[in-house]
Amino acid sequence: MAKNEINVAPVTGKADLNAFIDLAYRLGRSDPNWVPPLRNEVVELLTESKNPFFEHADVQLFLARRGEAVVGRISAHIDHLATAMDPVQGMGPGTGNWGLLEAEDEAVAAALIARAEQWLKDKGMTRVLAPLSMSVWEEPGQLTKGFDHPPTVMMGHQPERYQHYIEAQGYAPAKLLRTYELDITKPFPPLIQRIVQSGERNAKIRIRNVDKSKFDAEAGIILHILNDAWSENWGFVPFTDREIAYAGKKFKPIVREDLIMIAEYEGEPVAFMMTLPDLNEKLKPMGGTLWPFNWAKLLWWLRKPKSRTMRVPLMGVLKKHQGSRLASQLAFMMIEAIRRNAVAHYGATRGEIGWVLDDNQGMNAIADAIDSHVNKEYTIYEKSL
């Protein structure tokens, strides 16, 4: 093989997997806004026996080398729950994905993407939606706006040059995902305050904290609402029971009862809003490792987290109430309850909502009504094979 020739090969064995993981830390180190994930979390994501995503997906990791040097990586995957969805929702039969792209230069990226596409074609796929790293519920999309500040917890951050690498391979935007930020130290506009106060006087409405002592039951309520509320959304893929348990285990350490709300109407849980302290603020200086003393710092922070930023990654209202005045009123009431708690109990000054689909009129209208603005955009691309 010529010295400058790029060789892309499947990941096989522990040494390759370590090289796959290490590359992101090496390439990301020079980006002041990249947040190194904890290495053990990345290992778990990529380990078939630990991540329930593999139970309904075919996954292949690839490494690119020039000579002996590792210069790029990519994952190719087919989520069989996604291919079973209605094509009008974005996924559907014949749709595969790639993600976890890291490349030293455009030639490497082109070789990696071509190899991932060939793997998908060999598996019978006719279309690609990418990047997804790896599930749509994890880190979907390529960052295309907001490179100048770090991502919040569970959001991705990729170099701007990757956008050009992807588009140069014939990919066109399929969907835009937005995050909104706002100053939560300020009261909401008077109209929103009146809507909240009206709801607080309505005996049929109850906004309550989750009860962590009933974690499994509360998680079940939230997942029921989520699966109903999001079932017709673009990109929706249902959670399996194992994924619900897996997510619950991962979320539990940063779940705070007064930051996750369930809205009840006439005694029935009909909506929820989940908010998380921005763990990334604590992780950023740790360099992806808990050793030697970062584990103690993290445990201390988890006991009583103080965070400048709060992120709302998920919310939902049962379909039967969507589009109604009640739906927006419940959303404003939950946002206000969480805003008060975040400022009073965690020292937060900034909120981030998202991601939100660019054509989700209801959520975009709510974001506009509370004086938030778009701070990041992520693009999911598509290409026919």
Protein backbone atom coordinates (compact mmCIF):
# COMPACT_ATOMS: atom_id res chain seq x y z
CA MET A 1 0.00 0.00 0.00
CA ALA A 2 1.35 3.44 -0.99
CA LYS A 3 2.33 5.72 1.90
CA ASN A 4 -0.52 8.20 1.30
CA GLU A 5 -3.12 5.62 0.29
CA ILE A 6 -6.19 5.48 2.53
CA ASN A 7 -7.26 2.04 3.68
CA VAL A 8 -10.70 1.64 5.30
CA ALA A 9 -11.27 -1.62 7.15
CA PRO A 10 -13.80 -3.01 9.65
CA VAL A 11 -13.01 -2.73 13.34
CA THR A 12 -11.98 -6.13 14.65
CA GLY A 13 -10.81 -6.76 18.17
CA LYS A 14 -10.05 -4.64 21.21
CA ALA A 15 -7.07 -2.80 19.75
CA ASP A 16 -9.14 -1.51 16.83
CA LEU A 17 -11.97 -0.50 19.15
CA ASN A 18 -9.55 1.42 21.35
CA ALA A 19 -8.14 3.16 18.27
CA PHE A 20 -11.70 4.00 17.16
CA ILE A 21 -12.43 5.61 20.53
CA ASP A 22 -9.05 7.33 20.93
CA LEU A 23 -9.30 9.14 17.60
CA ALA A 24 -12.17 11.38 18.73
CA TYR A 25 -10.17 12.56 21.74
CA ARG A 26 -7.11 13.28 19.61
CA LEU A 27 -8.98 15.22 16.92
CA GLY A 28 -11.29 16.96 19.38
CA ARG A 29 -8.53 18.16 21.68
CA SER A 30 -7.82 21.26 19.61
CA ASP A 31 -11.47 22.40 19.58
CA PRO A 32 -12.16 24.62 22.61
CA ASN A 33 -15.89 23.88 22.42
CA TRP A 34 -15.69 20.07 22.22
CA VAL A 35 -16.68 18.29 25.44
CA PRO A 36 -14.78 15.01 25.93
CA PRO A 37 -17.31 12.31 26.88
CA LEU A 38 -16.41 9.92 29.67
CA ARG A 39 -14.50 7.11 28.03
CA ASN A 40 -16.41 4.38 29.89
CA GLU A 41 -19.67 5.83 28.48
CA VAL A 42 -18.28 5.61 24.94
CA VAL A 43 -17.13 2.03 25.48
CA GLU A 44 -20.62 1.13 26.71
CA LEU A 45 -22.24 2.80 23.67
CA LEU A 46 -20.12 0.68 21.33
CA THR A 47 -20.31 -2.64 23.20
CA GLU A 48 -22.96 -5.03 21.91
CA SER A 49 -23.48 -6.75 25.26
CA LYS A 50 -24.06 -3.45 27.07
CA ASN A 51 -26.07 -1.28 24.68
CA PRO A 52 -29.61 -2.55 23.91
CA PHE A 53 -29.59 -0.64 20.61
CA PHE A 54 -27.67 -3.63 19.20
CA GLU A 55 -30.65 -5.88 19.95
CA HIS A 56 -32.58 -4.36 17.04
CA ALA A 57 -29.74 -3.02 14.89
CA ASP A 58 -26.90 -4.25 12.70
CA VAL A 59 -23.77 -2.19 13.37
CA GLN A 60 -20.33 -2.12 11.76
CA LEU A 61 -17.50 0.19 12.80
CA PHE A 62 -14.74 1.17 10.36
CA LEU A 63 -11.26 2.66 10.75
CA ALA A 64 -9.32 4.58 8.11
CA ARG A 65 -5.53 4.38 8.06
CA ARG A 66 -2.70 5.95 6.09
CA GLY A 67 0.10 3.48 6.51
CA GLU A 68 0.01 2.59 10.21
CA ALA A 69 -1.60 5.87 11.30
CA VAL A 70 -5.30 5.95 12.19
CA VAL A 71 -6.77 8.97 10.39
CA GLY A 72 -10.54 8.44 10.49
CA ARG A 73 -13.50 6.43 11.69
CA ILE A 74 -17.22 5.90 10.96
CA SER A 75 -20.09 3.65 12.04
CA ALA A 76 -22.63 2.13 9.66
CA HIS A 77 -25.87 0.78 11.05
CA ILE A 78 -29.37 -0.40 10.22
CA ASP A 79 -31.98 0.07 12.93
CA HIS A 80 -34.68 -2.51 12.21
CA LEU A 81 -37.20 -0.64 14.35
CA ALA A 82 -36.58 2.42 12.17
CA THR A 83 -36.90 0.50 8.90
CA ALA A 84 -40.28 -0.80 10.13
CA MET A 85 -41.66 2.75 10.48
CA ASP A 86 -43.86 4.52 7.94
CA PRO A 87 -41.63 6.20 5.31
CA VAL A 88 -43.59 9.46 5.66
CA GLN A 89 -42.00 9.76 9.12
CA GLY A 90 -38.52 9.93 7.67
CA MET A 91 -37.19 6.41 8.22
CA GLY A 92 -38.90 3.36 6.73
CA PRO A 93 -37.89 0.34 4.64
CA GLY A 94 -34.51 0.53 2.92
CA THR A 95 -33.16 3.38 5.08
CA GLY A 96 -29.77 2.89 6.73
CA ASN A 97 -27.55 5.24 8.67
CA TRP A 98 -23.97 6.13 9.42
CA GLY A 99 -22.49 8.24 12.20
CA LEU A 100 -19.61 8.78 14.65
CA LEU A 101 -17.64 10.34 11.80
CA GLU A 102 -14.13 11.60 12.58
CA ALA A 103 -11.67 12.43 9.81
CA GLU A 104 -8.34 14.22 9.53
CA ASP A 105 -9.22 15.61 6.09
CA GLU A 106 -11.77 15.53 3.28
CA ALA A 107 -10.17 12.62 1.42
CA VAL A 108 -10.43 10.47 4.54
CA ALA A 109 -14.06 11.50 5.10
CA ALA A 110 -14.92 10.65 1.48
CA ALA A 111 -13.36 7.20 1.78
CA LEU A 112 -15.15 6.49 5.06
CA ILE A 113 -18.55 7.62 3.82
CA ALA A 114 -18.14 5.60 0.62
CA ARG A 115 -17.28 2.50 2.67
CA ALA A 116 -20.27 2.98 4.98
CA GLU A 117 -22.55 3.43 1.95
CA GLN A 118 -21.21 0.24 0.35
CA TRP A 119 -21.83 -1.70 3.55
CA LEU A 120 -25.41 -0.42 3.64
CA LYS A 121 -25.96 -1.24 -0.05
CA ASP A 122 -24.63 -4.76 0.51
CA LYS A 123 -27.26 -5.10 3.25
CA GLY A 124 -30.03 -4.08 0.84
CA MET A 125 -30.41 -0.45 1.84
CA THR A 126 -31.43 2.07 -0.83
CA ARG A 127 -31.20 5.31 1.13
CA VAL A 128 -29.08 6.90 3.86
CA LEU A 129 -30.08 9.26 6.65
CA ALA A 130 -26.98 10.57 8.40
CA PRO A 131 -25.25 11.33 10.62
CA LEU A 132 -26.90 9.48 13.51
CA SER A 133 -24.62 8.51 16.38
CA MET A 134 -26.05 5.90 16.63
CA SER A 135 -29.77 6.08 17.42
CA VAL A 136 -31.97 9.08 16.66
CA TRP A 137 -32.40 9.29 20.46
CA GLU A 138 -28.67 9.83 21.03
CA GLU A 139 -26.78 12.47 18.98
CA PRO A 140 -28.54 13.03 15.65
CA GLY A 141 -27.33 15.40 12.97
CA GLN A 142 -24.29 17.40 11.97
CA LEU A 143 -23.85 20.72 13.76
CA THR A 144 -24.46 23.48 11.19
CA LYS A 145 -24.96 26.51 13.48
CA GLY A 146 -23.58 27.30 16.93
CA PHE A 147 -19.94 26.24 16.62
CA ASP A 148 -18.87 29.03 18.97
CA HIS A 149 -20.07 27.49 22.25
CA PRO A 150 -20.04 24.01 23.82
CA PRO A 151 -23.01 21.65 23.55
CA THR A 152 -25.16 20.82 26.54
CA VAL A 153 -25.54 17.34 27.97
CA MET A 154 -26.44 14.68 25.38
CA MET A 155 -25.94 17.00 22.39
CA GLY A 156 -23.25 16.59 19.75
CA HIS A 157 -20.51 18.91 18.56
CA GLN A 158 -18.72 18.41 15.25
CA PRO A 159 -16.26 20.64 13.35
CA GLU A 160 -17.74 22.91 10.71
CA ARG A 161 -15.55 21.28 8.04
CA TYR A 162 -17.49 18.01 8.46
CA GLN A 163 -20.57 19.76 7.09
CA HIS A 164 -18.67 20.49 3.87
CA TYR A 165 -17.26 16.96 3.75
CA ILE A 166 -20.78 15.48 3.94
CA GLU A 167 -22.31 17.82 1.37
CA ALA A 168 -19.42 17.17 -1.03
CA GLN A 169 -20.46 13.51 -1.10
CA GLY A 170 -23.86 14.36 -2.57
CA TYR A 171 -25.92 14.61 0.62
CA ALA A 172 -28.86 17.01 0.83
CA PRO A 173 -30.57 18.28 4.01
CA ALA A 174 -33.50 16.10 5.08
CA LYS A 175 -34.39 17.70 8.40
CA LEU A 176 -33.22 20.56 10.59
CA LEU A 177 -33.11 20.19 14.38
CA ARG A 178 -32.93 23.31 16.52
CA THR A 179 -32.07 24.13 20.11
CA TYR A 180 -33.30 27.31 21.77
CA GLU A 181 -31.65 29.19 24.61
CA LEU A 182 -33.12 31.74 26.98
CA ASP A 183 -32.30 33.78 30.05
CA ILE A 184 -34.24 32.03 32.82
CA THR A 185 -33.52 34.67 35.45
CA LYS A 186 -36.14 36.89 33.82
CA PRO A 187 -39.90 36.38 34.27
CA PHE A 188 -41.74 35.34 31.15
CA PRO A 189 -43.75 37.95 29.17
CA PRO A 190 -46.98 39.16 30.84
CA LEU A 191 -49.22 37.15 28.50
CA ILE A 192 -47.46 33.92 29.43
CA GLN A 193 -47.65 34.80 33.13
CA ARG A 194 -51.43 35.26 32.81
CA ILE A 195 -51.78 31.89 31.05
CA VAL A 196 -49.80 30.21 33.85
CA GLN A 197 -51.79 31.95 36.58
CA SER A 198 -55.06 30.93 34.92
CA GLY A 199 -53.90 27.31 34.89
CA GLU A 200 -52.86 27.47 38.54
CA ARG A 201 -56.45 28.49 39.41
CA ASN A 202 -57.93 25.61 37.42
CA ALA A 203 -58.81 22.77 39.81
CA LYS A 204 -58.68 20.25 36.94
CA ILE A 205 -54.95 20.88 36.37
CA ARG A 206 -52.14 19.66 38.58
CA ILE A 207 -48.44 20.18 37.83
CA ARG A 208 -46.30 17.97 40.04
CA ASN A 209 -42.68 16.94 40.53
CA VAL A 210 -41.72 13.37 39.78
CA ASP A 211 -41.24 11.11 42.80
CA LYS A 212 -37.80 9.52 42.62
CA SER A 213 -38.77 6.95 45.26
CA LYS A 214 -41.19 5.60 42.62
CA PHE A 215 -38.64 5.86 39.82
CA ASP A 216 -39.79 2.91 37.71
CA ALA A 217 -43.46 3.87 37.90
CA GLU A 218 -42.74 7.51 37.06
CA ALA A 219 -40.47 6.47 34.19
CA GLY A 220 -43.30 4.29 32.90
CA ILE A 221 -45.71 7.26 32.92
CA ILE A 222 -43.23 9.45 31.08
CA LEU A 223 -42.42 6.81 28.46
CA HIS A 224 -46.13 6.16 27.87
CA ILE A 225 -46.73 9.85 27.21
CA LEU A 226 -43.56 10.13 25.10
CA ASN A 227 -44.39 7.18 22.86
CA ASP A 228 -47.93 8.50 22.33
CA ALA A 229 -46.93 12.15 21.88
CA TRP A 230 -44.05 11.49 19.48
CA SER A 231 -45.51 8.52 17.61
CA GLU A 232 -46.28 10.52 14.45
CA ASN A 233 -43.21 12.77 14.58
CA TRP A 234 -40.54 12.69 11.89
CA GLY A 235 -37.76 10.30 12.86
CA PHE A 236 -39.69 8.61 15.68
CA VAL A 237 -38.47 5.15 16.69
CA PRO A 238 -40.16 3.49 19.69
CA PHE A 239 -38.19 2.58 22.79
CA THR A 240 -37.93 -1.09 23.72
CA ASP A 241 -38.41 -2.22 27.31
CA ARG A 242 -34.67 -2.87 27.60
CA GLU A 243 -33.88 0.59 26.28
CA ILE A 244 -36.26 2.13 28.80
CA ALA A 245 -34.48 0.33 31.63
CA TYR A 246 -31.07 1.26 30.19
CA ALA A 247 -32.00 4.94 29.84
CA GLY A 248 -33.44 5.00 33.35
CA LYS A 249 -30.20 3.64 34.79
CA LYS A 250 -28.14 6.26 32.93
CA PHE A 251 -30.44 9.18 33.80
CA LYS A 252 -31.04 8.35 37.44
CA PRO A 253 -27.86 10.00 38.85
CA ILE A 254 -28.72 13.38 37.32
CA VAL A 255 -32.49 13.25 37.74
CA ARG A 256 -33.78 15.91 40.13
CA GLU A 257 -37.38 15.65 41.26
CA ASP A 258 -38.06 19.38 41.02
CA LEU A 259 -36.73 19.60 37.45
CA ILE A 260 -39.01 16.97 35.89
CA MET A 261 -42.71 17.73 35.81
CA ILE A 262 -45.78 15.65 35.10
CA ALA A 263 -48.99 17.46 34.22
CA GLU A 264 -52.28 15.85 35.21
CA TYR A 265 -55.68 16.85 33.86
CA GLU A 266 -58.70 15.57 35.73
CA GLY A 267 -56.38 13.14 37.48
CA GLU A 268 -54.84 11.67 34.32
CA PRO A 269 -51.14 12.20 33.48
CA VAL A 270 -51.29 13.91 30.08
CA ALA A 271 -47.96 15.72 29.68
CA PHE A 272 -44.41 15.80 30.99
CA MET A 273 -41.28 17.90 30.76
CA MET A 274 -37.80 16.61 31.56
CA THR A 275 -34.99 18.99 32.50
CA LEU A 276 -31.39 18.06 33.27
CA PRO A 277 -28.58 20.09 34.83
CA ASP A 278 -25.88 20.53 32.21
CA LEU A 279 -23.46 17.77 33.14
CA ASN A 280 -21.18 18.91 30.30
CA GLU A 281 -20.15 21.96 32.33
CA LYS A 282 -18.61 19.58 34.86
CA LEU A 283 -17.26 17.06 32.33
CA LYS A 284 -15.50 19.50 30.01
CA PRO A 285 -12.30 19.93 32.10
CA MET A 286 -12.11 16.21 32.96
CA GLY A 287 -10.76 15.14 29.57
CA GLY A 288 -12.98 12.06 29.37
CA THR A 289 -11.60 10.26 32.42
CA LEU A 290 -12.66 9.93 36.05
CA TRP A 291 -9.08 9.28 37.21
CA PRO A 292 -7.34 10.03 39.41
CA PHE A 293 -9.67 12.40 41.28
CA ASN A 294 -12.39 13.36 38.79
CA TRP A 295 -14.69 10.62 40.12
CA ALA A 296 -14.75 12.34 43.52
CA LYS A 297 -15.45 15.74 41.93
CA LEU A 298 -18.29 14.27 39.89
CA LEU A 299 -19.84 12.43 42.84
CA TRP A 300 -19.69 15.61 44.94
CA TRP A 301 -21.37 17.59 42.15
CA LEU A 302 -24.09 14.96 41.71
CA ARG A 303 -25.02 15.25 45.39
CA LYS A 304 -26.18 18.83 44.87
CA PRO A 305 -25.47 20.05 41.37
CA LYS A 306 -24.95 23.71 40.62
CA SER A 307 -25.24 24.46 36.95
CA ARG A 308 -25.39 27.62 34.87
CA THR A 309 -27.42 25.84 32.20
CA MET A 310 -30.48 23.61 32.30
CA ARG A 311 -31.43 21.57 29.26
CA VAL A 312 -34.95 20.41 28.36
CA PRO A 313 -34.26 17.36 26.15
CA LEU A 314 -37.77 15.91 26.16
CA MET A 315 -41.34 16.95 26.60
CA GLY A 316 -44.62 15.61 25.33
CA VAL A 317 -48.40 15.98 25.46
CA LEU A 318 -50.80 13.12 24.72
CA LYS A 319 -51.99 13.27 21.10
CA LYS A 320 -55.61 13.76 22.12
CA HIS A 321 -54.70 17.16 23.59
CA GLN A 322 -52.17 18.30 21.00
CA GLY A 323 -53.05 21.50 19.18
CA SER A 324 -55.38 22.59 21.97
CA ARG A 325 -55.16 25.58 24.32
CA LEU A 326 -54.72 23.10 27.16
CA ALA A 327 -51.53 21.70 25.59
CA SER A 328 -49.81 25.07 25.37
CA GLN A 329 -51.05 26.06 28.83
CA LEU A 330 -49.62 22.90 30.38
CA ALA A 331 -46.32 23.48 28.58
CA PHE A 332 -46.05 27.03 29.88
CA MET A 333 -46.96 25.92 33.40
CA MET A 334 -44.30 23.20 33.44
CA ILE A 335 -41.67 25.52 31.98
CA GLU A 336 -42.42 28.17 34.60
CA ALA A 337 -42.36 25.69 37.49
CA ILE A 338 -39.01 24.33 36.33
CA ARG A 339 -37.64 27.83 35.68
CA ARG A 340 -38.37 28.88 39.26
CA ASN A 341 -36.79 25.74 40.71
CA ALA A 342 -33.73 25.90 38.46
CA VAL A 343 -32.93 29.46 39.51
CA ALA A 344 -33.76 29.04 43.21
CA HIS A 345 -32.22 25.62 43.86
CA TYR A 346 -29.40 25.20 41.32
CA GLY A 347 -28.14 28.70 40.60
CA ALA A 348 -29.06 28.37 36.92
CA THR A 349 -29.20 31.42 34.67
CA ARG A 350 -29.61 29.86 31.22
CA GLY A 351 -32.01 27.35 29.71
CA GLU A 352 -31.77 25.31 26.53
CA ILE A 353 -34.75 23.62 24.90
CA GLY A 354 -34.28 20.99 22.25
CA TRP A 355 -33.79 19.53 19.96
CA VAL A 356 -36.95 20.70 18.16
CA LEU A 357 -37.83 19.82 14.57
CA ASP A 358 -37.86 22.89 12.34
CA ASP A 359 -41.44 22.14 11.27
CA ASN A 360 -42.80 21.46 14.78
CA GLN A 361 -45.05 24.50 14.79
CA GLY A 362 -46.35 24.00 18.32
CA MET A 363 -42.95 23.79 20.01
CA ASN A 364 -41.44 26.54 17.89
CA ALA A 365 -44.35 28.80 18.84
CA ILE A 366 -43.85 28.02 22.54
CA ALA A 367 -40.13 28.78 22.25
CA ASP A 368 -40.89 32.10 20.56
CA ALA A 369 -43.51 33.02 23.18
CA ILE A 370 -41.01 32.77 26.06
CA ASP A 371 -38.45 34.99 24.27
CA SER A 372 -35.94 32.25 23.48
CA HIS A 373 -33.77 32.22 20.37
CA VAL A 374 -32.13 29.55 18.23
CA ASN A 375 -28.56 28.95 19.41
CA LYS A 376 -27.70 25.71 17.57
CA GLU A 377 -28.89 23.87 14.50
CA TYR A 378 -28.15 20.28 13.52
CA THR A 379 -28.81 18.95 10.02
CA ILE A 380 -29.71 15.36 9.19
CA TYR A 381 -28.80 14.62 5.59
CA GLU A 382 -30.14 12.10 3.09
CA LYS A 383 -28.86 10.41 -0.04
CA SER A 384 -30.15 7.70 -2.34
CA LEU A 385 -27.89 4.69 -2.81
